[in-house]
Amino acid sequence: MRILAVDYGDARTGLAVSDNSEILASPVCTITEYNAEKLAAKVAAAAKEQGAGEIIVGLPLNMDGSRGSRAEKCEGFAEMLRGLVDVEVRMWDERSTTVTAYRYLDNTNVYGKKRKAVVDTVAATIILESYLSYRSKQKQKSEE
C-alpha cells in the first residue's frame, strides 16, 4: 500500500510517499498555502493522485511527550483531511524531524532559498521513514 506523509506547516507543507512495498519513502513536493481548508483539499488531491491508501500527519509533540499548540493545529488539520478522503488518516510522532532535516541538508551543502524550498519535504520523508520502520517491525512481531 502506498502511504502519504504530511509535514504540516502554516505556510509550507511537505509531502512524501512510500512505494507499494512500504520500503522506500520518496519526497513528493512542498505545498505553499496559508489557508488550512485549501491546503487540506490540495493534500487530499495529492493523496488521490499518488494512490495513497493511508495518510500520516506529523504530530509535533513536545520533548516530554505533551501536546502543545502546534500539535493541536496539526490534529485539527488531520481532522479536516479526514473529512475529505476515504482513507485512514493517522497522527505520527514527528519530534525532531525538522532538526534532522536541517542536518541532512547541512551534510549535502543545501543552503538559502534551496533549503527553505525542500526542508518540509525532507521532514515529511523522515516522518514516513519512521512510520515505515514501525510498520515493518510490527509485521515481524506478528509473524513470530
Protein backbone atom coordinates (compact mmCIF):
# COMPACT_ATOMS: atom_id res chain seq x y z
CA MET A 1 0.00 0.00 0.00
CA ARG A 2 1.24 3.49 -0.76
CA ILE A 3 1.34 5.81 2.26
CA LEU A 4 1.43 9.60 2.06
CA ALA A 5 3.18 11.53 4.84
CA VAL A 6 2.42 15.16 5.61
CA ASP A 7 4.67 17.63 7.44
CA TYR A 8 2.06 20.31 8.10
CA GLY A 9 3.12 23.94 8.35
CA ASP A 10 1.37 27.30 8.48
CA ALA A 11 2.98 28.41 5.20
CA ARG A 12 4.69 25.36 3.68
CA THR A 13 3.65 21.71 3.94
CA GLY A 14 5.88 18.87 2.82
CA LEU A 15 4.64 15.63 1.30
CA ALA A 16 6.36 12.27 0.86
CA VAL A 17 5.04 8.92 -0.39
CA SER A 18 6.05 5.29 0.01
CA ASP A 19 6.26 2.67 -2.68
CA ASN A 20 3.66 -0.14 -2.71
CA SER A 21 6.00 -2.46 -0.79
CA GLU A 22 6.30 0.14 2.01
CA ILE A 23 10.10 0.07 1.89
CA LEU A 24 11.06 3.33 0.19
CA ALA A 25 9.99 6.84 1.18
CA SER A 26 10.29 9.45 -1.56
CA PRO A 27 9.74 13.20 -1.41
CA VAL A 28 6.76 14.43 -3.43
CA CYS A 29 6.58 18.22 -3.10
CA THR A 30 6.18 21.21 -0.85
CA ILE A 31 2.83 22.98 -1.00
CA THR A 32 2.78 26.68 -0.18
CA GLU A 33 -0.66 27.52 1.18
CA TYR A 34 -1.69 29.67 4.15
CA ASN A 35 -5.38 28.66 4.24
CA ALA A 36 -5.80 25.34 6.10
CA GLU A 37 -9.01 24.38 4.28
CA LYS A 38 -7.46 24.97 0.86
CA LEU A 39 -4.34 23.12 1.96
CA ALA A 40 -6.40 20.12 3.14
CA ALA A 41 -8.08 19.99 -0.30
CA LYS A 42 -4.65 20.10 -2.01
CA VAL A 43 -3.29 17.34 0.22
CA ALA A 44 -6.41 15.23 -0.40
CA ALA A 45 -5.91 15.69 -4.15
CA ALA A 46 -2.24 14.72 -3.84
CA ALA A 47 -3.19 11.60 -1.87
CA LYS A 48 -5.61 10.59 -4.61
CA GLU A 49 -3.06 11.36 -7.35
CA GLN A 50 -0.39 9.30 -5.54
CA GLY A 51 -2.80 6.41 -4.94
CA ALA A 52 -2.31 6.58 -1.18
CA GLY A 53 -4.14 4.02 0.91
CA GLU A 54 -3.26 5.79 4.15
CA ILE A 55 -2.14 9.28 5.19
CA ILE A 56 0.25 10.03 8.05
CA VAL A 57 0.25 13.55 9.51
CA GLY A 58 3.24 14.51 11.61
CA LEU A 59 2.40 15.25 15.24
CA PRO A 60 4.94 17.65 16.79
CA LEU A 61 4.82 16.59 20.42
CA ASN A 62 6.93 18.41 22.99
CA MET A 63 10.08 16.58 24.03
CA ASP A 64 8.32 15.41 27.23
CA GLY A 65 5.51 13.88 25.12
CA SER A 66 2.94 16.55 25.93
CA ARG A 67 0.82 18.30 23.31
CA GLY A 68 1.35 22.00 22.67
CA SER A 69 -0.45 24.47 20.44
CA ARG A 70 1.42 23.25 17.33
CA ALA A 71 0.30 19.65 17.94
CA GLU A 72 -3.29 20.86 18.33
CA LYS A 73 -3.06 22.68 14.98
CA CYS A 74 -1.79 19.52 13.31
CA GLU A 75 -4.57 17.44 14.87
CA GLY A 76 -7.12 19.97 13.61
CA PHE A 77 -5.63 19.78 10.13
CA ALA A 78 -5.77 15.97 10.22
CA GLU A 79 -9.44 16.18 11.20
CA MET A 80 -10.14 18.44 8.20
CA LEU A 81 -8.33 15.96 5.99
CA ARG A 82 -10.39 13.05 7.34
CA GLY A 83 -13.49 14.80 6.05
CA LEU A 84 -12.07 14.92 2.52
CA VAL A 85 -10.59 11.46 1.99
CA ASP A 86 -11.79 7.87 2.10
CA VAL A 87 -8.56 6.50 3.58
CA GLU A 88 -7.33 6.35 7.14
CA VAL A 89 -5.56 9.47 8.44
CA ARG A 90 -3.19 8.80 11.35
CA MET A 91 -1.08 11.05 13.50
CA TRP A 92 2.60 10.13 13.88
CA ASP A 93 5.11 11.49 16.39
CA GLU A 94 7.48 13.76 14.49
CA ARG A 95 9.65 15.08 17.31
CA SER A 96 12.95 16.43 15.97
CA THR A 97 12.25 15.64 12.30
CA THR A 98 12.78 19.24 11.18
CA VAL A 99 16.06 19.38 13.10
CA THR A 100 17.10 16.10 11.43
CA ALA A 101 16.06 17.50 8.05
CA TYR A 102 18.29 20.54 8.60
CA ARG A 103 21.19 18.23 9.50
CA TYR A 104 20.69 16.25 6.27
CA LEU A 105 20.65 19.48 4.30
CA ASP A 106 23.79 20.71 6.10
CA ASN A 107 25.56 17.49 5.14
CA THR A 108 24.60 17.95 1.49
CA ASN A 109 25.50 21.66 1.46
CA VAL A 110 21.96 22.85 0.72
CA TYR A 111 21.52 26.40 1.99
CA GLY A 112 19.50 29.57 1.43
CA LYS A 113 16.42 29.54 -0.79
CA LYS A 114 17.05 25.96 -1.88
CA ARG A 115 16.96 24.83 1.74
CA LYS A 116 13.76 26.69 2.51
CA ALA A 117 12.12 25.10 -0.53
CA VAL A 118 12.92 21.49 0.42
CA VAL A 119 13.19 21.28 4.22
CA ASP A 120 9.48 20.47 4.69
CA THR A 121 9.57 17.73 2.06
CA VAL A 122 12.70 16.25 3.64
CA ALA A 123 10.93 16.35 7.04
CA ALA A 124 7.89 14.56 5.54
CA THR A 125 10.23 11.90 4.15
CA ILE A 126 11.80 11.42 7.59
CA ILE A 127 8.34 11.12 9.18
CA LEU A 128 7.39 8.49 6.60
CA GLU A 129 10.65 6.55 7.05
CA SER A 130 9.97 6.40 10.80
CA TYR A 131 6.42 5.15 10.24
CA LEU A 132 7.51 2.56 7.65
CA SER A 133 10.14 1.25 10.09
CA TYR A 134 7.47 0.93 12.78
CA ARG A 135 5.13 -0.94 10.40
CA SER A 136 7.91 -3.29 9.36
CA LYS A 137 8.70 -4.11 13.00
CA GLN A 138 5.00 -4.70 13.73
CA LYS A 139 4.76 -7.13 10.79
CA GLN A 140 7.83 -9.01 12.01
CA LYS A 141 6.37 -9.31 15.52
CA SER A 142 3.06 -10.64 14.19
CA GLU A 143 4.88 -13.28 12.12
CA GLU A 144 6.77 -14.63 15.14
